[in-house]
Amino acid sequence: MQTKRDYHRQEFRNPFFAKRQAEGHRRPFIFRLAAVVVFLAFVIWLQRSGTFQIQTIEVRGEPVVGEQEIKDVVSQQLGQRRWLIFSQRNIFFFNTEKT
């Protein structure tokens, strides 16, 4: 007994190419997620590292305004936050234009 051929169901695919696995779609997502985690860890390390913290304030060559006044303004700014997240005690996040 012969099987009846269906000429309307057209399924064209190359049998030599394997089907793509669902895992292949997850790989870029996992890579991006890992990159974001590494970047956030680096930023947190910059923020928390004692190497990049401002510890002393030195004033040079300002005869008009007193040295103590400048230190008070800078100390007040060191207590504030930049972009609502980062402490300005860090040398990378200190706003020099505001002082």
PDB file of N, CA and C in Angstrom:
ATOM      1  N   MET A   1       0.827  -1.170   0.000  1.00  0.00           N
ATOM      2  CA  MET A   1       0.000   0.000   0.000  1.00  0.00           C
ATOM      3  C   MET A   1       0.880   1.244   0.000  1.00  0.00           C
ATOM      4  N   GLN A   2       0.580   2.128  -0.895  1.00  0.00           N
ATOM      5  CA  GLN A   2       1.353   3.370  -1.006  1.00  0.00           C
ATOM      6  C   GLN A   2       0.774   4.443  -0.090  1.00  0.00           C
ATOM      7  N   THR A   3       1.689   5.311   0.378  1.00  0.00           N
ATOM      8  CA  THR A   3       1.227   6.440   1.178  1.00  0.00           C
ATOM      9  C   THR A   3       0.889   7.589   0.255  1.00  0.00           C
ATOM     10  N   LYS A   4      -0.097   8.301   0.640  1.00  0.00           N
ATOM     11  CA  LYS A   4      -0.550   9.423  -0.168  1.00  0.00           C
ATOM     12  C   LYS A   4       0.364  10.622   0.091  1.00  0.00           C
ATOM     13  N   ARG A   5       0.884  11.212  -0.949  1.00  0.00           N
ATOM     14  CA  ARG A   5       1.769  12.369  -0.806  1.00  0.00           C
ATOM     15  C   ARG A   5       0.955  13.648  -0.670  1.00  0.00           C
ATOM     16  N   ASP A   6       1.452  14.504   0.207  1.00  0.00           N
ATOM     17  CA  ASP A   6       0.798  15.796   0.400  1.00  0.00           C
ATOM     18  C   ASP A   6       1.659  16.854  -0.274  1.00  0.00           C
ATOM     19  N   TYR A   7       1.188  17.373  -1.376  1.00  0.00           N
ATOM     20  CA  TYR A   7       1.962  18.357  -2.130  1.00  0.00           C
ATOM     21  C   TYR A   7       1.727  19.787  -1.633  1.00  0.00           C
ATOM     22  N   HIS A   8       0.786  19.977  -0.750  1.00  0.00           N
ATOM     23  CA  HIS A   8       0.483  21.327  -0.262  1.00  0.00           C
ATOM     24  C   HIS A   8       1.276  21.682   0.998  1.00  0.00           C
ATOM     25  N   ARG A   9       1.652  20.708   1.748  1.00  0.00           N
ATOM     26  CA  ARG A   9       2.455  20.973   2.938  1.00  0.00           C
ATOM     27  C   ARG A   9       3.910  21.100   2.495  1.00  0.00           C
ATOM     28  N   GLN A  10       4.358  22.337   2.455  1.00  0.00           N
ATOM     29  CA  GLN A  10       5.705  22.584   1.943  1.00  0.00           C
ATOM     30  C   GLN A  10       6.630  22.914   3.112  1.00  0.00           C
ATOM     31  N   GLU A  11       7.456  21.995   3.391  1.00  0.00           N
ATOM     32  CA  GLU A  11       8.398  22.174   4.484  1.00  0.00           C
ATOM     33  C   GLU A  11       9.798  22.101   3.899  1.00  0.00           C
ATOM     34  N   PHE A  12      10.357  23.258   3.662  1.00  0.00           N
ATOM     35  CA  PHE A  12      11.676  23.309   3.049  1.00  0.00           C
ATOM     36  C   PHE A  12      12.721  23.592   4.120  1.00  0.00           C
ATOM     37  N   ARG A  13      13.611  22.681   4.292  1.00  0.00           N
ATOM     38  CA  ARG A  13      14.721  22.905   5.206  1.00  0.00           C
ATOM     39  C   ARG A  13      15.881  22.036   4.751  1.00  0.00           C
ATOM     40  N   ASN A  14      17.044  22.520   5.055  1.00  0.00           N
ATOM     41  CA  ASN A  14      18.240  21.801   4.654  1.00  0.00           C
ATOM     42  C   ASN A  14      18.589  20.786   5.743  1.00  0.00           C
ATOM     43  N   PRO A  15      18.636  19.527   5.434  1.00  0.00           N
ATOM     44  CA  PRO A  15      18.912  18.530   6.477  1.00  0.00           C
ATOM     45  C   PRO A  15      20.362  18.551   6.963  1.00  0.00           C
ATOM     46  N   PHE A  16      21.223  19.259   6.275  1.00  0.00           N
ATOM     47  CA  PHE A  16      22.625  19.301   6.676  1.00  0.00           C
ATOM     48  C   PHE A  16      22.910  20.346   7.751  1.00  0.00           C
ATOM     49  N   PHE A  17      21.978  21.287   7.950  1.00  0.00           N
ATOM     50  CA  PHE A  17      22.136  22.288   9.001  1.00  0.00           C
ATOM     51  C   PHE A  17      21.362  21.835  10.231  1.00  0.00           C
ATOM     52  N   ALA A  18      22.045  21.731  11.333  1.00  0.00           N
ATOM     53  CA  ALA A  18      21.388  21.296  12.564  1.00  0.00           C
ATOM     54  C   ALA A  18      20.500  22.412  13.087  1.00  0.00           C
ATOM     55  N   LYS A  19      19.497  22.032  13.837  1.00  0.00           N
ATOM     56  CA  LYS A  19      18.608  23.030  14.429  1.00  0.00           C
ATOM     57  C   LYS A  19      19.378  23.822  15.479  1.00  0.00           C
ATOM     58  N   ARG A  20      19.055  25.077  15.565  1.00  0.00           N
ATOM     59  CA  ARG A  20      19.716  25.918  16.561  1.00  0.00           C
ATOM     60  C   ARG A  20      19.168  25.585  17.935  1.00  0.00           C
ATOM     61  N   GLN A  21      20.051  25.521  18.856  1.00  0.00           N
ATOM     62  CA  GLN A  21      19.663  25.193  20.220  1.00  0.00           C
ATOM     63  C   GLN A  21      19.186  26.452  20.935  1.00  0.00           C
ATOM     64  N   ALA A  22      18.306  26.284  21.885  1.00  0.00           N
ATOM     65  CA  ALA A  22      17.821  27.417  22.681  1.00  0.00           C
ATOM     66  C   ALA A  22      18.949  27.991  23.535  1.00  0.00           C
ATOM     67  N   GLU A  23      19.945  27.186  23.834  1.00  0.00           N
ATOM     68  CA  GLU A  23      21.067  27.639  24.650  1.00  0.00           C
ATOM     69  C   GLU A  23      21.864  28.732  23.949  1.00  0.00           C
ATOM     70  N   GLY A  24      21.914  28.700  22.640  1.00  0.00           N
ATOM     71  CA  GLY A  24      22.647  29.706  21.887  1.00  0.00           C
ATOM     72  C   GLY A  24      22.076  31.098  22.064  1.00  0.00           C
ATOM     73  N   HIS A  25      20.792  31.191  22.343  1.00  0.00           N
ATOM     74  CA  HIS A  25      20.166  32.492  22.565  1.00  0.00           C
ATOM     75  C   HIS A  25      20.451  33.019  23.964  1.00  0.00           C
ATOM     76  N   ARG A  26      20.737  32.129  24.879  1.00  0.00           N
ATOM     77  CA  ARG A  26      21.027  32.557  26.247  1.00  0.00           C
ATOM     78  C   ARG A  26      22.452  33.050  26.417  1.00  0.00           C
ATOM     79  N   ARG A  27      23.333  32.619  25.573  1.00  0.00           N
ATOM     80  CA  ARG A  27      24.749  32.950  25.730  1.00  0.00           C
ATOM     81  C   ARG A  27      25.007  34.467  25.693  1.00  0.00           C
ATOM     82  N   PRO A  28      24.465  35.228  24.728  1.00  0.00           N
ATOM     83  CA  PRO A  28      24.703  36.685  24.765  1.00  0.00           C
ATOM     84  C   PRO A  28      24.106  37.340  26.011  1.00  0.00           C
ATOM     85  N   PHE A  29      22.950  36.851  26.458  1.00  0.00           N
ATOM     86  CA  PHE A  29      22.330  37.408  27.653  1.00  0.00           C
ATOM     87  C   PHE A  29      23.214  37.174  28.873  1.00  0.00           C
ATOM     88  N   ILE A  30      23.753  35.979  28.999  1.00  0.00           N
ATOM     89  CA  ILE A  30      24.621  35.662  30.133  1.00  0.00           C
ATOM     90  C   ILE A  30      25.898  36.491  30.067  1.00  0.00           C
ATOM     91  N   PHE A  31      26.436  36.675  28.873  1.00  0.00           N
ATOM     92  CA  PHE A  31      27.643  37.490  28.712  1.00  0.00           C
ATOM     93  C   PHE A  31      27.375  38.938  29.113  1.00  0.00           C
ATOM     94  N   ARG A  32      26.256  39.490  28.676  1.00  0.00           N
ATOM     95  CA  ARG A  32      25.918  40.883  29.041  1.00  0.00           C
ATOM     96  C   ARG A  32      25.687  41.015  30.542  1.00  0.00           C
ATOM     97  N   LEU A  33      25.000  40.057  31.114  1.00  0.00           N
ATOM     98  CA  LEU A  33      24.751  40.087  32.548  1.00  0.00           C
ATOM     99  C   LEU A  33      26.063  40.025  33.329  1.00  0.00           C
ATOM    100  N   ALA A  34      26.975  39.180  32.895  1.00  0.00           N
ATOM    101  CA  ALA A  34      28.280  39.086  33.557  1.00  0.00           C
ATOM    102  C   ALA A  34      29.058  40.391  33.412  1.00  0.00           C
ATOM    103  N   ALA A  35      28.975  41.034  32.246  1.00  0.00           N
ATOM    104  CA  ALA A  35      29.668  42.311  32.039  1.00  0.00           C
ATOM    105  C   ALA A  35      29.105  43.388  32.964  1.00  0.00           C
ATOM    106  N   VAL A  36      27.793  43.427  33.131  1.00  0.00           N
ATOM    107  CA  VAL A  36      27.170  44.415  34.021  1.00  0.00           C
ATOM    108  C   VAL A  36      27.586  44.157  35.468  1.00  0.00           C
ATOM    109  N   VAL A  37      27.613  42.900  35.869  1.00  0.00           N
ATOM    110  CA  VAL A  37      28.008  42.561  37.241  1.00  0.00           C
ATOM    111  C   VAL A  37      29.463  42.955  37.492  1.00  0.00           C
ATOM    112  N   VAL A  38      30.337  42.693  36.540  1.00  0.00           N
ATOM    113  CA  VAL A  38      31.753  43.062  36.688  1.00  0.00           C
ATOM    114  C   VAL A  38      31.896  44.581  36.753  1.00  0.00           C
ATOM    115  N   PHE A  39      31.152  45.311  35.913  1.00  0.00           N
ATOM    116  CA  PHE A  39      31.213  46.775  35.925  1.00  0.00           C
ATOM    117  C   PHE A  39      30.733  47.323  37.268  1.00  0.00           C
ATOM    118  N   LEU A  40      29.620  46.810  37.779  1.00  0.00           N
ATOM    119  CA  LEU A  40      29.111  47.275  39.068  1.00  0.00           C
ATOM    120  C   LEU A  40      30.079  46.944  40.205  1.00  0.00           C
ATOM    121  N   ALA A  41      30.703  45.787  40.144  1.00  0.00           N
ATOM    122  CA  ALA A  41      31.693  45.431  41.163  1.00  0.00           C
ATOM    123  C   ALA A  41      32.883  46.383  41.111  1.00  0.00           C
ATOM    124  N   PHE A  42      33.293  46.774  39.912  1.00  0.00           N
ATOM    125  CA  PHE A  42      34.401  47.719  39.761  1.00  0.00           C
ATOM    126  C   PHE A  42      34.034  49.087  40.333  1.00  0.00           C
ATOM    127  N   VAL A  43      32.822  49.567  40.059  1.00  0.00           N
ATOM    128  CA  VAL A  43      32.386  50.869  40.578  1.00  0.00           C
ATOM    129  C   VAL A  43      32.292  50.825  42.103  1.00  0.00           C
ATOM    130  N   ILE A  44      31.773  49.742  42.645  1.00  0.00           N
ATOM    131  CA  ILE A  44      31.692  49.612  44.106  1.00  0.00           C
ATOM    132  C   ILE A  44      33.091  49.566  44.716  1.00  0.00           C
ATOM    133  N   TRP A  45      34.004  48.878  44.050  1.00  0.00           N
ATOM    134  CA  TRP A  45      35.385  48.833  44.543  1.00  0.00           C
ATOM    135  C   TRP A  45      36.002  50.232  44.533  1.00  0.00           C
ATOM    136  N   LEU A  46      35.755  51.001  43.458  1.00  0.00           N
ATOM    137  CA  LEU A  46      36.270  52.376  43.408  1.00  0.00           C
ATOM    138  C   LEU A  46      35.702  53.209  44.549  1.00  0.00           C
ATOM    139  N   GLN A  47      34.419  53.030  44.824  1.00  0.00           N
ATOM    140  CA  GLN A  47      33.749  53.814  45.851  1.00  0.00           C
ATOM    141  C   GLN A  47      34.251  53.453  47.250  1.00  0.00           C
ATOM    142  N   ARG A  48      34.469  52.192  47.510  1.00  0.00           N
ATOM    143  CA  ARG A  48      34.818  51.731  48.858  1.00  0.00           C
ATOM    144  C   ARG A  48      36.314  51.704  49.138  1.00  0.00           C
ATOM    145  N   SER A  49      37.125  51.728  48.114  1.00  0.00           N
ATOM    146  CA  SER A  49      38.569  51.602  48.299  1.00  0.00           C
ATOM    147  C   SER A  49      39.124  52.816  49.034  1.00  0.00           C
ATOM    148  N   GLY A  50      39.930  52.565  50.038  1.00  0.00           N
ATOM    149  CA  GLY A  50      40.539  53.645  50.801  1.00  0.00           C
ATOM    150  C   GLY A  50      41.628  54.373  50.031  1.00  0.00           C
ATOM    151  N   THR A  51      42.107  53.768  48.965  1.00  0.00           N
ATOM    152  CA  THR A  51      43.166  54.377  48.162  1.00  0.00           C
ATOM    153  C   THR A  51      42.693  55.658  47.488  1.00  0.00           C
ATOM    154  N   PHE A  52      41.428  55.701  47.106  1.00  0.00           N
ATOM    155  CA  PHE A  52      40.911  56.834  46.346  1.00  0.00           C
ATOM    156  C   PHE A  52      40.084  57.796  47.199  1.00  0.00           C
ATOM    157  N   GLN A  53      40.148  57.680  48.523  1.00  0.00           N
ATOM    158  CA  GLN A  53      39.403  58.568  49.406  1.00  0.00           C
ATOM    159  C   GLN A  53      40.194  59.850  49.651  1.00  0.00           C
ATOM    160  N   ILE A  54      39.490  60.970  49.702  1.00  0.00           N
ATOM    161  CA  ILE A  54      40.126  62.254  50.023  1.00  0.00           C
ATOM    162  C   ILE A  54      40.313  62.295  51.540  1.00  0.00           C
ATOM    163  N   GLN A  55      41.565  62.444  51.982  1.00  0.00           N
ATOM    164  CA  GLN A  55      41.849  62.404  53.412  1.00  0.00           C
ATOM    165  C   GLN A  55      42.324  63.750  53.950  1.00  0.00           C
ATOM    166  N   THR A  56      43.109  64.480  53.175  1.00  0.00           N
ATOM    167  CA  THR A  56      43.600  65.779  53.636  1.00  0.00           C
ATOM    168  C   THR A  56      43.271  66.842  52.600  1.00  0.00           C
ATOM    169  N   ILE A  57      43.108  68.063  53.090  1.00  0.00           N
ATOM    170  CA  ILE A  57      42.817  69.204  52.220  1.00  0.00           C
ATOM    171  C   ILE A  57      43.962  70.189  52.375  1.00  0.00           C
ATOM    172  N   GLU A  58      44.596  70.523  51.262  1.00  0.00           N
ATOM    173  CA  GLU A  58      45.706  71.466  51.257  1.00  0.00           C
ATOM    174  C   GLU A  58      45.311  72.677  50.424  1.00  0.00           C
ATOM    175  N   VAL A  59      45.512  73.877  50.975  1.00  0.00           N
ATOM    176  CA  VAL A  59      45.184  75.109  50.252  1.00  0.00           C
ATOM    177  C   VAL A  59      46.484  75.843  49.968  1.00  0.00           C
ATOM    178  N   ARG A  60      46.668  76.204  48.682  1.00  0.00           N
ATOM    179  CA  ARG A  60      47.889  76.922  48.286  1.00  0.00           C
ATOM    180  C   ARG A  60      47.533  78.133  47.435  1.00  0.00           C
ATOM    181  N   GLY A  61      48.184  79.238  47.692  1.00  0.00           N
ATOM    182  CA  GLY A  61      48.133  80.415  46.826  1.00  0.00           C
ATOM    183  C   GLY A  61      46.797  81.116  46.722  1.00  0.00           C
ATOM    184  N   GLU A  62      46.029  81.231  47.784  1.00  0.00           N
ATOM    185  CA  GLU A  62      44.764  81.955  47.737  1.00  0.00           C
ATOM    186  C   GLU A  62      44.783  83.042  48.813  1.00  0.00           C
ATOM    187  N   PRO A  63      45.264  84.268  48.465  1.00  0.00           N
ATOM    188  CA  PRO A  63      45.383  85.318  49.476  1.00  0.00           C
ATOM    189  C   PRO A  63      44.055  86.007  49.809  1.00  0.00           C
ATOM    190  N   VAL A  64      43.078  85.987  48.904  1.00  0.00           N
ATOM    191  CA  VAL A  64      41.835  86.739  49.111  1.00  0.00           C
ATOM    192  C   VAL A  64      40.929  86.044  50.129  1.00  0.00           C
ATOM    193  N   VAL A  65      40.711  84.774  49.961  1.00  0.00           N
ATOM    194  CA  VAL A  65      39.825  84.018  50.851  1.00  0.00           C
ATOM    195  C   VAL A  65      40.694  83.249  51.844  1.00  0.00           C
ATOM    196  N   GLY A  66      40.245  83.203  53.078  1.00  0.00           N
ATOM    197  CA  GLY A  66      41.022  82.530  54.112  1.00  0.00           C
ATOM    198  C   GLY A  66      41.099  81.021  53.903  1.00  0.00           C
ATOM    199  N   GLU A  67      42.186  80.458  54.398  1.00  0.00           N
ATOM    200  CA  GLU A  67      42.411  79.018  54.233  1.00  0.00           C
ATOM    201  C   GLU A  67      41.339  78.207  54.955  1.00  0.00           C
ATOM    202  N   GLN A  68      40.962  78.649  56.143  1.00  0.00           N
ATOM    203  CA  GLN A  68      39.954  77.913  56.919  1.00  0.00           C
ATOM    204  C   GLN A  68      38.591  77.953  56.232  1.00  0.00           C
ATOM    205  N   GLU A  69      38.266  79.067  55.585  1.00  0.00           N
ATOM    206  CA  GLU A  69      36.992  79.171  54.852  1.00  0.00           C
ATOM    207  C   GLU A  69      36.922  78.151  53.722  1.00  0.00           C
ATOM    208  N   ILE A  70      38.005  78.028  52.988  1.00  0.00           N
ATOM    209  CA  ILE A  70      38.053  77.074  51.874  1.00  0.00           C
ATOM    210  C   ILE A  70      37.941  75.646  52.407  1.00  0.00           C
ATOM    211  N   LYS A  71      38.638  75.352  53.495  1.00  0.00           N
ATOM    212  CA  LYS A  71      38.564  74.011  54.077  1.00  0.00           C
ATOM    213  C   LYS A  71      37.153  73.690  54.564  1.00  0.00           C
ATOM    214  N   ASP A  72      36.462  74.696  55.121  1.00  0.00           N
ATOM    215  CA  ASP A  72      35.088  74.476  55.581  1.00  0.00           C
ATOM    216  C   ASP A  72      34.151  74.166  54.417  1.00  0.00           C
ATOM    217  N   VAL A  73      34.301  74.902  53.313  1.00  0.00           N
ATOM    218  CA  VAL A  73      33.450  74.665  52.134  1.00  0.00           C
ATOM    219  C   VAL A  73      33.708  73.280  51.557  1.00  0.00           C
ATOM    220  N   VAL A  74      34.970  72.912  51.446  1.00  0.00           N
ATOM    221  CA  VAL A  74      35.315  71.592  50.896  1.00  0.00           C
ATOM    222  C   VAL A  74      34.843  70.488  51.836  1.00  0.00           C
ATOM    223  N   SER A  75      35.006  70.671  53.138  1.00  0.00           N
ATOM    224  CA  SER A  75      34.549  69.659  54.099  1.00  0.00           C
ATOM    225  C   SER A  75      33.036  69.484  54.040  1.00  0.00           C
ATOM    226  N   GLN A  76      32.322  70.588  53.867  1.00  0.00           N
ATOM    227  CA  GLN A  76      30.867  70.516  53.741  1.00  0.00           C
ATOM    228  C   GLN A  76      30.476  69.747  52.471  1.00  0.00           C
ATOM    229  N   GLN A  77      31.189  69.999  51.395  1.00  0.00           N
ATOM    230  CA  GLN A  77      30.890  69.310  50.143  1.00  0.00           C
ATOM    231  C   GLN A  77      31.253  67.825  50.225  1.00  0.00           C
ATOM    232  N   LEU A  78      32.294  67.488  50.970  1.00  0.00           N
ATOM    233  CA  LEU A  78      32.683  66.083  51.117  1.00  0.00           C
ATOM    234  C   LEU A  78      31.589  65.263  51.796  1.00  0.00           C
ATOM    235  N   GLY A  79      30.772  65.904  52.604  1.00  0.00           N
ATOM    236  CA  GLY A  79      29.676  65.207  53.277  1.00  0.00           C
ATOM    237  C   GLY A  79      28.473  64.968  52.385  1.00  0.00           C
ATOM    238  N   GLN A  80      28.419  65.622  51.230  1.00  0.00           N
ATOM    239  CA  GLN A  80      27.267  65.476  50.333  1.00  0.00           C
ATOM    240  C   GLN A  80      27.451  64.286  49.404  1.00  0.00           C
ATOM    241  N   ARG A  81      26.379  63.978  48.687  1.00  0.00           N
ATOM    242  CA  ARG A  81      26.412  62.880  47.721  1.00  0.00           C
ATOM    243  C   ARG A  81      26.363  63.437  46.305  1.00  0.00           C
ATOM    244  N   ARG A  82      26.944  62.684  45.371  1.00  0.00           N
ATOM    245  CA  ARG A  82      26.917  63.069  43.958  1.00  0.00           C
ATOM    246  C   ARG A  82      25.999  62.101  43.240  1.00  0.00           C
ATOM    247  N   TRP A  83      25.067  62.630  42.483  1.00  0.00           N
ATOM    248  CA  TRP A  83      24.064  61.843  41.742  1.00  0.00           C
ATOM    249  C   TRP A  83      23.248  60.958  42.685  1.00  0.00           C
ATOM    250  N   LEU A  84      23.064  61.393  43.913  1.00  0.00           N
ATOM    251  CA  LEU A  84      22.275  60.721  44.947  1.00  0.00           C
ATOM    252  C   LEU A  84      22.809  59.347  45.350  1.00  0.00           C
ATOM    253  N   ILE A  85      23.924  58.928  44.800  1.00  0.00           N
ATOM    254  CA  ILE A  85      24.437  57.583  45.086  1.00  0.00           C
ATOM    255  C   ILE A  85      25.842  57.635  45.675  1.00  0.00           C
ATOM    256  N   PHE A  86      26.737  58.345  45.008  1.00  0.00           N
ATOM    257  CA  PHE A  86      28.157  58.269  45.331  1.00  0.00           C
ATOM    258  C   PHE A  86      28.563  59.340  46.331  1.00  0.00           C
ATOM    259  N   SER A  87      29.401  58.951  47.287  1.00  0.00           N
ATOM    260  CA  SER A  87      29.950  59.888  48.252  1.00  0.00           C
ATOM    261  C   SER A  87      31.032  60.722  47.569  1.00  0.00           C
ATOM    262  N   GLN A  88      31.084  62.001  47.902  1.00  0.00           N
ATOM    263  CA  GLN A  88      32.086  62.864  47.285  1.00  0.00           C
ATOM    264  C   GLN A  88      33.429  62.774  48.002  1.00  0.00           C
ATOM    265  N   ARG A  89      33.550  61.895  48.962  1.00  0.00           N
ATOM    266  CA  ARG A  89      34.847  61.667  49.592  1.00  0.00           C
ATOM    267  C   ARG A  89      35.795  60.942  48.653  1.00  0.00           C
ATOM    268  N   ASN A  90      35.254  60.346  47.610  1.00  0.00           N
ATOM    269  CA  ASN A  90      36.062  59.648  46.621  1.00  0.00           C
ATOM    270  C   ASN A  90      36.587  60.654  45.609  1.00  0.00           C
ATOM    271  N   ILE A  91      37.835  60.517  45.211  1.00  0.00           N
ATOM    272  CA  ILE A  91      38.469  61.480  44.309  1.00  0.00           C
ATOM    273  C   ILE A  91      37.835  61.467  42.913  1.00  0.00           C
ATOM    274  N   PHE A  92      37.274  60.318  42.500  1.00  0.00           N
ATOM    275  CA  PHE A  92      36.667  60.229  41.176  1.00  0.00           C
ATOM    276  C   PHE A  92      35.289  60.880  41.121  1.00  0.00           C
ATOM    277  N   PHE A  93      34.590  60.941  42.248  1.00  0.00           N
ATOM    278  CA  PHE A  93      33.229  61.468  42.266  1.00  0.00           C
ATOM    279  C   PHE A  93      33.133  62.857  42.890  1.00  0.00           C
ATOM    280  N   PHE A  94      34.255  63.468  43.234  1.00  0.00           N
ATOM    281  CA  PHE A  94      34.244  64.807  43.822  1.00  0.00           C
ATOM    282  C   PHE A  94      33.952  65.836  42.738  1.00  0.00           C
ATOM    283  N   ASN A  95      32.997  66.717  42.994  1.00  0.00           N
ATOM    284  CA  ASN A  95      32.595  67.737  42.031  1.00  0.00           C
ATOM    285  C   ASN A  95      33.488  68.964  42.207  1.00  0.00           C
ATOM    286  N   THR A  96      34.467  69.134  41.312  1.00  0.00           N
ATOM    287  CA  THR A  96      35.398  70.256  41.429  1.00  0.00           C
ATOM    288  C   THR A  96      34.780  71.561  40.939  1.00  0.00           C
ATOM    289  N   GLU A  97      33.776  71.481  40.085  1.00  0.00           N
ATOM    290  CA  GLU A  97      33.151  72.704  39.569  1.00  0.00           C
ATOM    291  C   GLU A  97      32.296  73.381  40.629  1.00  0.00           C
ATOM    292  N   LYS A  98      31.764  72.616  41.551  1.00  0.00           N
ATOM    293  CA  LYS A  98      30.889  73.168  42.577  1.00  0.00           C
ATOM    294  C   LYS A  98      31.672  73.906  43.663  1.00  0.00           C
ATOM    295  N   THR A  99      32.942  73.585  43.835  1.00  0.00           N
ATOM    296  CA  THR A  99      33.736  74.204  44.888  1.00  0.00           C
ATOM    297  C   THR A  99      34.303  75.519  44.475  1.00  0.00           C
TER     298      THR A  99
END
